Amino acid sequence: MNPEELLNEDGNAAKPKKESPLISLERDLKFFYESIREVAVEIMVEGLSHYPIFIAHQHELSLGELILDRNGLNTEWSIHASTLEEFVDKGVIKPILKERFIKSYKDPYEYMCLFVVVPEGANFVYYPYPTA
């Protein structure tokens, strides 16, 4: 009998816990935040939208425009830039829920609005920009 079998009642070796994808996303956001903030301000100043949305993903995605590619940057996440208007046009946000989204939208100068896509699903997250 192996010593590992004595320590584990079920006979299986201890499996390391898989790191939450949000931990690696937070690491990448600390690296990306200046670029994301720049693009958010540009979207608003150019009048494209008052509601920039950034899509964080690890797979192929056909929503928004790629601004940070994980392959070229040696990170775990890619970031696409989009807007509330595109999310409504593509049916990600239903038109009847647009006003609810706007009411819950946080100050885009202080928070990045992220649509985080993982294999289990997707959700909106507001992540604060670091203060100087």
C-alpha atoms as a PDB file:
ATOM      1  CA  MET A   1       0.000   0.000   0.000  1.00  0.00           C
ATOM      2  CA  ASN A   2       1.223   3.503  -0.859  1.00  0.00           C
ATOM      3  CA  PRO A   3       1.456   6.194   1.851  1.00  0.00           C
ATOM      4  CA  GLU A   4      -0.957   8.368  -0.182  1.00  0.00           C
ATOM      5  CA  GLU A   5      -3.621   5.680   0.077  1.00  0.00           C
ATOM      6  CA  LEU A   6      -3.362   5.754   3.872  1.00  0.00           C
ATOM      7  CA  LEU A   7      -4.026   9.495   3.979  1.00  0.00           C
ATOM      8  CA  ASN A   8      -7.046   9.457   1.682  1.00  0.00           C
ATOM      9  CA  GLU A   9      -9.973   7.395   2.850  1.00  0.00           C
ATOM     10  CA  ASP A  10     -11.389   7.108  -0.655  1.00  0.00           C
ATOM     11  CA  GLY A  11      -8.049   5.907  -2.043  1.00  0.00           C
ATOM     12  CA  ASN A  12      -7.680   8.804  -4.490  1.00  0.00           C
ATOM     13  CA  ALA A  13      -4.701  11.096  -4.391  1.00  0.00           C
ATOM     14  CA  ALA A  14      -5.534  14.635  -3.321  1.00  0.00           C
ATOM     15  CA  LYS A  15      -6.437  16.692  -6.368  1.00  0.00           C
ATOM     16  CA  PRO A  16      -5.390  20.328  -6.390  1.00  0.00           C
ATOM     17  CA  LYS A  17      -8.327  22.724  -6.565  1.00  0.00           C
ATOM     18  CA  LYS A  18      -8.742  24.380  -9.923  1.00  0.00           C
ATOM     19  CA  GLU A  19      -8.180  28.140  -9.755  1.00  0.00           C
ATOM     20  CA  SER A  20     -11.263  30.244 -10.393  1.00  0.00           C
ATOM     21  CA  PRO A  21     -11.088  31.907 -13.802  1.00  0.00           C
ATOM     22  CA  LEU A  22     -11.931  35.194 -12.079  1.00  0.00           C
ATOM     23  CA  ILE A  23      -8.552  35.152 -10.317  1.00  0.00           C
ATOM     24  CA  SER A  24      -6.689  35.038 -13.618  1.00  0.00           C
ATOM     25  CA  LEU A  25      -9.058  37.672 -15.028  1.00  0.00           C
ATOM     26  CA  GLU A  26      -8.274  40.013 -12.143  1.00  0.00           C
ATOM     27  CA  ARG A  27      -4.541  39.518 -12.794  1.00  0.00           C
ATOM     28  CA  ASP A  28      -5.015  40.369 -16.463  1.00  0.00           C
ATOM     29  CA  LEU A  29      -7.217  43.388 -15.704  1.00  0.00           C
ATOM     30  CA  LYS A  30      -4.448  44.874 -13.574  1.00  0.00           C
ATOM     31  CA  PHE A  31      -2.268  44.616 -16.679  1.00  0.00           C
ATOM     32  CA  PHE A  32      -4.979  45.852 -19.109  1.00  0.00           C
ATOM     33  CA  TYR A  33      -6.791  48.579 -17.168  1.00  0.00           C
ATOM     34  CA  GLU A  34      -5.048  51.612 -18.718  1.00  0.00           C
ATOM     35  CA  SER A  35      -5.815  50.423 -22.257  1.00  0.00           C
ATOM     36  CA  ILE A  36      -9.411  49.599 -21.338  1.00  0.00           C
ATOM     37  CA  ARG A  37      -9.939  53.013 -19.734  1.00  0.00           C
ATOM     38  CA  GLU A  38      -8.492  54.717 -22.832  1.00  0.00           C
ATOM     39  CA  VAL A  39     -10.866  52.858 -25.143  1.00  0.00           C
ATOM     40  CA  ALA A  40     -13.863  53.557 -22.854  1.00  0.00           C
ATOM     41  CA  VAL A  41     -13.145  57.293 -22.893  1.00  0.00           C
ATOM     42  CA  GLU A  42     -12.637  57.217 -26.662  1.00  0.00           C
ATOM     43  CA  ILE A  43     -16.004  55.470 -27.171  1.00  0.00           C
ATOM     44  CA  MET A  44     -17.726  58.139 -25.091  1.00  0.00           C
ATOM     45  CA  VAL A  45     -15.848  61.190 -26.450  1.00  0.00           C
ATOM     46  CA  GLU A  46     -16.448  60.132 -30.051  1.00  0.00           C
ATOM     47  CA  GLY A  47     -20.153  59.835 -29.279  1.00  0.00           C
ATOM     48  CA  LEU A  48     -20.354  56.132 -30.096  1.00  0.00           C
ATOM     49  CA  SER A  49     -22.034  55.350 -26.778  1.00  0.00           C
ATOM     50  CA  HIS A  50     -22.401  56.507 -23.191  1.00  0.00           C
ATOM     51  CA  TYR A  51     -22.225  52.841 -22.165  1.00  0.00           C
ATOM     52  CA  PRO A  52     -19.000  51.077 -23.172  1.00  0.00           C
ATOM     53  CA  ILE A  53     -18.922  47.353 -22.419  1.00  0.00           C
ATOM     54  CA  PHE A  54     -15.805  45.177 -22.478  1.00  0.00           C
ATOM     55  CA  ILE A  55     -16.116  41.482 -23.150  1.00  0.00           C
ATOM     56  CA  ALA A  56     -13.581  39.270 -21.364  1.00  0.00           C
ATOM     57  CA  HIS A  57     -13.234  35.776 -22.801  1.00  0.00           C
ATOM     58  CA  GLN A  58     -10.839  32.902 -23.422  1.00  0.00           C
ATOM     59  CA  HIS A  59     -12.392  31.557 -26.628  1.00  0.00           C
ATOM     60  CA  GLU A  60     -13.420  32.848 -30.047  1.00  0.00           C
ATOM     61  CA  LEU A  61     -16.123  35.493 -29.925  1.00  0.00           C
ATOM     62  CA  SER A  62     -17.991  37.480 -32.562  1.00  0.00           C
ATOM     63  CA  LEU A  63     -19.220  40.351 -30.419  1.00  0.00           C
ATOM     64  CA  GLY A  64     -17.513  43.720 -30.267  1.00  0.00           C
ATOM     65  CA  GLU A  65     -14.059  44.507 -31.570  1.00  0.00           C
ATOM     66  CA  LEU A  66     -10.898  42.799 -30.359  1.00  0.00           C
ATOM     67  CA  ILE A  67      -8.671  45.292 -28.547  1.00  0.00           C
ATOM     68  CA  LEU A  68      -6.437  43.029 -26.420  1.00  0.00           C
ATOM     69  CA  ASP A  69      -5.517  39.585 -27.728  1.00  0.00           C
ATOM     70  CA  ARG A  70      -4.364  37.059 -25.139  1.00  0.00           C
ATOM     71  CA  ASN A  71      -2.264  35.234 -27.727  1.00  0.00           C
ATOM     72  CA  GLY A  72      -0.211  38.287 -28.626  1.00  0.00           C
ATOM     73  CA  LEU A  73       0.026  39.577 -25.053  1.00  0.00           C
ATOM     74  CA  ASN A  74       0.784  36.259 -23.354  1.00  0.00           C
ATOM     75  CA  THR A  75      -2.192  36.630 -20.993  1.00  0.00           C
ATOM     76  CA  GLU A  76      -5.101  34.319 -20.225  1.00  0.00           C
ATOM     77  CA  TRP A  77      -7.930  36.611 -21.338  1.00  0.00           C
ATOM     78  CA  SER A  78      -8.794  38.534 -24.495  1.00  0.00           C
ATOM     79  CA  ILE A  79     -10.831  41.721 -24.354  1.00  0.00           C
ATOM     80  CA  HIS A  80     -13.309  42.994 -26.935  1.00  0.00           C
ATOM     81  CA  ALA A  81     -14.786  46.514 -26.850  1.00  0.00           C
ATOM     82  CA  SER A  82     -18.491  46.947 -27.421  1.00  0.00           C
ATOM     83  CA  THR A  83     -21.414  49.144 -26.438  1.00  0.00           C
ATOM     84  CA  LEU A  84     -24.848  48.810 -24.929  1.00  0.00           C
ATOM     85  CA  GLU A  85     -26.299  49.557 -28.352  1.00  0.00           C
ATOM     86  CA  GLU A  86     -24.511  46.578 -29.939  1.00  0.00           C
ATOM     87  CA  PHE A  87     -25.620  44.319 -27.077  1.00  0.00           C
ATOM     88  CA  VAL A  88     -29.237  45.342 -27.740  1.00  0.00           C
ATOM     89  CA  ASP A  89     -28.860  45.028 -31.540  1.00  0.00           C
ATOM     90  CA  LYS A  90     -27.403  41.515 -31.205  1.00  0.00           C
ATOM     91  CA  GLY A  91     -30.037  40.430 -28.685  1.00  0.00           C
ATOM     92  CA  VAL A  92     -27.666  39.931 -25.759  1.00  0.00           C
ATOM     93  CA  ILE A  93     -29.692  42.516 -23.824  1.00  0.00           C
ATOM     94  CA  LYS A  94     -33.403  42.484 -24.609  1.00  0.00           C
ATOM     95  CA  PRO A  95     -34.783  45.898 -25.610  1.00  0.00           C
ATOM     96  CA  ILE A  96     -37.267  45.802 -22.729  1.00  0.00           C
ATOM     97  CA  LEU A  97     -34.340  45.428 -20.277  1.00  0.00           C
ATOM     98  CA  LYS A  98     -32.269  48.281 -21.728  1.00  0.00           C
ATOM     99  CA  GLU A  99     -33.530  50.864 -19.195  1.00  0.00           C
ATOM    100  CA  ARG A 100     -32.846  48.511 -16.278  1.00  0.00           C
ATOM    101  CA  PHE A 101     -29.287  48.052 -17.559  1.00  0.00           C
ATOM    102  CA  ILE A 102     -28.806  51.835 -17.854  1.00  0.00           C
ATOM    103  CA  LYS A 103     -30.040  52.368 -14.272  1.00  0.00           C
ATOM    104  CA  SER A 104     -27.578  49.794 -12.926  1.00  0.00           C
ATOM    105  CA  TYR A 105     -24.651  50.968 -15.101  1.00  0.00           C
ATOM    106  CA  LYS A 106     -21.811  52.373 -12.977  1.00  0.00           C
ATOM    107  CA  ASP A 107     -19.728  55.466 -13.726  1.00  0.00           C
ATOM    108  CA  PRO A 108     -17.562  54.480 -16.741  1.00  0.00           C
ATOM    109  CA  TYR A 109     -14.775  56.802 -15.559  1.00  0.00           C
ATOM    110  CA  GLU A 110     -14.472  54.834 -12.317  1.00  0.00           C
ATOM    111  CA  TYR A 111     -15.516  51.295 -13.338  1.00  0.00           C
ATOM    112  CA  MET A 112     -15.047  49.093 -16.357  1.00  0.00           C
ATOM    113  CA  CYS A 113     -18.221  47.287 -17.340  1.00  0.00           C
ATOM    114  CA  LEU A 114     -17.205  43.727 -18.177  1.00  0.00           C
ATOM    115  CA  PHE A 115     -19.258  41.002 -19.769  1.00  0.00           C
ATOM    116  CA  VAL A 116     -17.335  37.960 -18.595  1.00  0.00           C
ATOM    117  CA  VAL A 117     -17.793  34.846 -20.730  1.00  0.00           C
ATOM    118  CA  VAL A 118     -16.814  31.473 -19.234  1.00  0.00           C
ATOM    119  CA  PRO A 119     -17.859  27.932 -20.253  1.00  0.00           C
ATOM    120  CA  GLU A 120     -20.550  27.932 -17.551  1.00  0.00           C
ATOM    121  CA  GLY A 121     -22.184  31.106 -18.895  1.00  0.00           C
ATOM    122  CA  ALA A 122     -21.716  34.867 -18.927  1.00  0.00           C
ATOM    123  CA  ASN A 123     -22.443  37.761 -16.619  1.00  0.00           C
ATOM    124  CA  PHE A 124     -21.835  41.468 -16.155  1.00  0.00           C
ATOM    125  CA  VAL A 125     -19.198  42.546 -13.648  1.00  0.00           C
ATOM    126  CA  TYR A 126     -18.138  46.074 -12.709  1.00  0.00           C
ATOM    127  CA  TYR A 127     -14.460  46.280 -11.890  1.00  0.00           C
ATOM    128  CA  PRO A 128     -13.012  49.505 -10.438  1.00  0.00           C
ATOM    129  CA  TYR A 129     -10.105  51.185 -12.150  1.00  0.00           C
ATOM    130  CA  PRO A 130      -7.165  51.432  -9.763  1.00  0.00           C
ATOM    131  CA  THR A 131      -6.712  54.882  -8.272  1.00  0.00           C
ATOM    132  CA  ALA A 132      -3.383  56.627  -8.627  1.00  0.00           C
END
